[in-house]
């Protein structure tokens, strides 16, 4: 999903894993599009009389659920005045905090822009999805000896430390750091 521009699935619902992770990554999502027939072996998707082939461009509108053939001009998502007003009314009535899932420093910063009170879930293993870090993890897992593995653990720890520093320091002042816990020194 990190390489995707959008998420479109045949099955699932708004709380499916694909939908939750896709939205967390800021991707437009349409899940449970049961009218689609995916022919993986032929690298095509059928939808009524429409045939989409590998390489065809589609536009996924996660707000309406529409799938449009071709490219449509995009608008960056954000909180416009009407949404901000509605959320302020809800804030006056709510008795719970709103925390976001954020697995990277970029996601934590994005959460701040959408008025999250803090971070509720941070899956630290996602820090190792970047190419350079993924190599270190694979080397650690597949090490031939305990000694080799210990050496790789040191490299993994160094990457994790840099990841936590970025997570807690790169977006200082956004209000999320204090709610997520103490910063890494």
Protein backbone atom coordinates (compact mmCIF):
# COMPACT_ATOMS: atom_id res chain seq x y z
CA UNK A 1 0.00 0.00 0.00
CA UNK A 2 2.93 2.34 0.53
CA UNK A 3 3.48 2.30 -3.25
CA UNK A 4 -0.22 2.76 -4.10
CA UNK A 5 -2.02 5.96 -5.09
CA UNK A 6 -5.41 4.58 -3.99
CA UNK A 7 -7.12 1.46 -2.66
CA UNK A 8 -9.89 -0.35 -4.53
CA UNK A 9 -11.15 -3.76 -3.39
CA UNK A 10 -13.85 -6.19 -4.45
CA UNK A 11 -14.70 -7.15 -0.89
CA UNK A 12 -14.60 -5.60 2.54
CA UNK A 13 -16.25 -2.72 4.32
CA UNK A 14 -15.38 0.67 5.74
CA UNK A 15 -13.72 -0.93 8.77
CA UNK A 16 -11.82 -3.56 6.75
CA UNK A 17 -8.06 -3.72 7.12
CA UNK A 18 -7.52 -2.30 3.62
CA UNK A 19 -9.80 0.66 4.34
CA UNK A 20 -8.34 1.47 7.75
CA UNK A 21 -4.70 1.22 6.65
CA UNK A 22 -5.36 2.99 3.34
CA UNK A 23 -7.05 5.93 5.05
CA UNK A 24 -4.26 6.04 7.60
CA UNK A 25 -1.80 6.42 4.75
CA UNK A 26 -3.92 9.22 3.30
CA UNK A 27 -5.01 7.16 0.29
CA UNK A 28 -8.46 7.43 -1.25
CA UNK A 29 -10.28 4.14 -0.63
CA UNK A 30 -13.25 2.36 -2.14
CA UNK A 31 -13.76 -1.06 -0.61
CA UNK A 32 -16.44 -3.66 -1.17
CA UNK A 33 -16.95 -2.77 -4.85
CA UNK A 34 -18.72 -6.10 -5.40
CA UNK A 35 -19.72 -5.26 -8.98
CA UNK A 36 -16.07 -5.59 -9.98
CA UNK A 37 -14.74 -8.85 -11.33
CA UNK A 38 -10.98 -9.07 -10.97
CA UNK A 39 -9.27 -11.45 -13.38
CA UNK A 40 -5.82 -11.48 -11.88
CA UNK A 41 -4.38 -14.03 -14.33
CA UNK A 42 -5.49 -11.82 -17.27
CA UNK A 43 -4.47 -8.60 -15.45
CA UNK A 44 -7.87 -7.02 -16.00
CA UNK A 45 -10.92 -5.82 -14.12
CA UNK A 46 -14.44 -6.07 -15.48
CA UNK A 47 -17.24 -3.77 -14.36
CA UNK A 48 -20.39 -4.11 -16.44
CA UNK A 49 -19.38 -3.28 -20.02
CA UNK A 50 -16.14 -1.60 -18.93
CA UNK A 51 -12.85 -3.47 -19.16
CA UNK A 52 -9.82 -2.09 -17.36
CA UNK A 53 -6.44 -3.46 -18.29
CA UNK A 54 -3.06 -3.28 -16.62
CA UNK A 55 -1.80 0.29 -17.04
CA UNK A 56 -5.23 1.94 -17.50
CA UNK A 57 -5.71 5.03 -15.37
CA UNK A 58 -8.65 5.30 -13.02
CA UNK A 59 -9.59 7.89 -10.40
CA UNK A 60 -10.78 6.64 -7.02
CA UNK A 61 -13.06 9.01 -5.08
CA UNK A 62 -12.97 7.83 -1.50
CA UNK A 63 -15.63 10.35 -0.45
CA UNK A 64 -18.34 9.27 -2.90
CA UNK A 65 -17.21 5.73 -3.68
CA UNK A 66 -17.03 6.55 -7.38
CA UNK A 67 -14.48 4.92 -9.66
CA UNK A 68 -13.91 7.02 -12.77
CA UNK A 69 -12.03 5.88 -15.85
CA UNK A 70 -9.26 8.31 -16.71
CA UNK A 71 -7.54 11.01 -14.73
CA UNK A 72 -9.53 13.66 -12.84
CA UNK A 73 -8.01 16.87 -11.42
CA UNK A 74 -7.30 16.39 -7.70
CA UNK A 75 -7.97 18.55 -4.66
CA UNK A 76 -5.81 18.11 -1.57
CA UNK A 77 -7.96 16.85 1.33
CA UNK A 78 -8.36 19.14 4.26
CA UNK A 79 -10.74 20.58 6.77
CA UNK A 80 -12.83 23.30 5.13
CA UNK A 81 -14.86 25.81 7.12
CA UNK A 82 -18.06 23.73 7.20
CA UNK A 83 -16.23 20.64 8.50
CA UNK A 84 -14.29 22.70 11.03
CA UNK A 85 -17.55 24.24 12.28
CA UNK A 86 -19.23 20.84 12.59
CA UNK A 87 -16.22 19.44 14.46
CA UNK A 88 -16.17 22.41 16.84
CA UNK A 89 -19.82 21.72 17.71
CA UNK A 90 -18.97 18.07 18.32
CA UNK A 91 -15.98 19.11 20.47
CA UNK A 92 -18.33 21.08 22.74
CA UNK A 93 -20.40 17.93 23.39
CA UNK A 94 -17.86 15.11 23.41
CA UNK A 95 -16.47 13.61 26.58
CA UNK A 96 -13.67 11.57 25.00
CA UNK A 97 -10.41 12.42 23.27
CA UNK A 98 -9.80 11.66 19.62
CA UNK A 99 -6.52 9.92 18.90
CA UNK A 100 -5.16 8.89 15.53
CA UNK A 101 -3.28 5.85 14.32
CA UNK A 102 0.13 7.10 13.20
CA UNK A 103 2.96 4.74 12.36
CA UNK A 104 5.41 7.33 11.04
CA UNK A 105 6.43 10.89 11.83
CA UNK A 106 4.66 12.05 8.64
CA UNK A 107 1.40 10.40 9.74
CA UNK A 108 1.67 11.98 13.20
CA UNK A 109 2.11 15.38 11.60
CA UNK A 110 -0.86 14.77 9.28
CA UNK A 111 -2.97 13.78 12.30
CA UNK A 112 -2.13 17.07 13.92
CA UNK A 113 -3.43 18.90 10.85
CA UNK A 114 -6.74 17.08 11.23
CA UNK A 115 -7.10 18.14 14.88
CA UNK A 116 -6.34 14.80 16.55
CA UNK A 117 -5.80 15.09 20.31
CA UNK A 118 -2.92 12.66 20.19
CA UNK A 119 -1.71 9.31 18.93
CA UNK A 120 -3.65 6.27 20.03
CA UNK A 121 -1.75 3.56 18.17
CA UNK A 122 1.74 3.56 16.74
CA UNK A 123 2.81 0.26 15.21
CA UNK A 124 6.55 0.65 15.56
CA UNK A 125 7.28 -2.21 13.16
CA UNK A 126 6.15 0.13 10.38
CA UNK A 127 9.32 2.14 10.98
CA UNK A 128 11.11 -0.72 9.24
CA UNK A 129 9.17 -0.62 5.97
CA UNK A 130 11.58 1.86 4.39
CA UNK A 131 14.01 0.16 2.00
CA UNK A 132 17.20 0.78 4.02
CA UNK A 133 15.60 -0.33 7.29
CA UNK A 134 13.91 -3.35 5.74
CA UNK A 135 17.28 -4.72 4.64
CA UNK A 136 18.57 -4.53 8.23
CA UNK A 137 15.51 -6.39 9.55
CA UNK A 138 15.85 -9.12 6.94
CA UNK A 139 19.55 -9.52 7.71
CA UNK A 140 18.72 -9.83 11.41
CA UNK A 141 15.97 -12.41 10.83
CA UNK A 142 18.04 -14.53 8.46
CA UNK A 143 21.38 -14.25 10.29
CA UNK A 144 23.34 -17.52 10.35
CA UNK A 145 24.48 -17.24 13.95
CA UNK A 146 23.54 -15.59 17.21
CA UNK A 147 26.63 -13.40 16.94
CA UNK A 148 25.59 -12.14 13.48
CA UNK A 149 22.06 -11.56 14.75
CA UNK A 150 23.35 -9.49 17.71
CA UNK A 151 25.28 -7.29 15.28
CA UNK A 152 22.14 -6.71 13.22
CA UNK A 153 20.09 -5.94 16.35
CA UNK A 154 22.44 -3.01 16.98
CA UNK A 155 21.76 -1.67 13.49
CA UNK A 156 18.01 -2.16 13.94
CA UNK A 157 18.14 -0.33 17.27
CA UNK A 158 19.95 2.60 15.64
CA UNK A 159 17.23 2.81 12.96
CA UNK A 160 14.48 2.59 15.61
CA UNK A 161 16.10 5.35 17.66
CA UNK A 162 16.24 7.64 14.61
CA UNK A 163 12.61 6.76 13.84
CA UNK A 164 11.44 7.64 17.35
CA UNK A 165 13.42 10.86 17.32
CA UNK A 166 11.74 11.87 14.07
CA UNK A 167 8.35 10.83 15.41
CA UNK A 168 8.64 12.87 18.59
CA UNK A 169 10.80 15.77 17.45
CA UNK A 170 10.21 16.55 13.77
CA UNK A 171 6.72 17.86 14.47
CA UNK A 172 7.45 19.62 17.77
CA UNK A 173 4.77 22.09 18.75
CA UNK A 174 1.94 20.24 17.04
CA UNK A 175 0.44 19.16 20.36
CA UNK A 176 0.75 15.45 19.67
CA UNK A 177 4.17 14.91 21.20
CA UNK A 178 3.12 15.65 24.76
CA UNK A 179 0.08 13.39 24.51
CA UNK A 180 2.05 10.51 23.00
CA UNK A 181 4.47 10.33 25.90
CA UNK A 182 7.93 11.59 26.69
CA UNK A 183 10.22 12.51 23.84
CA UNK A 184 13.31 10.45 23.11
CA UNK A 185 16.40 12.42 24.07
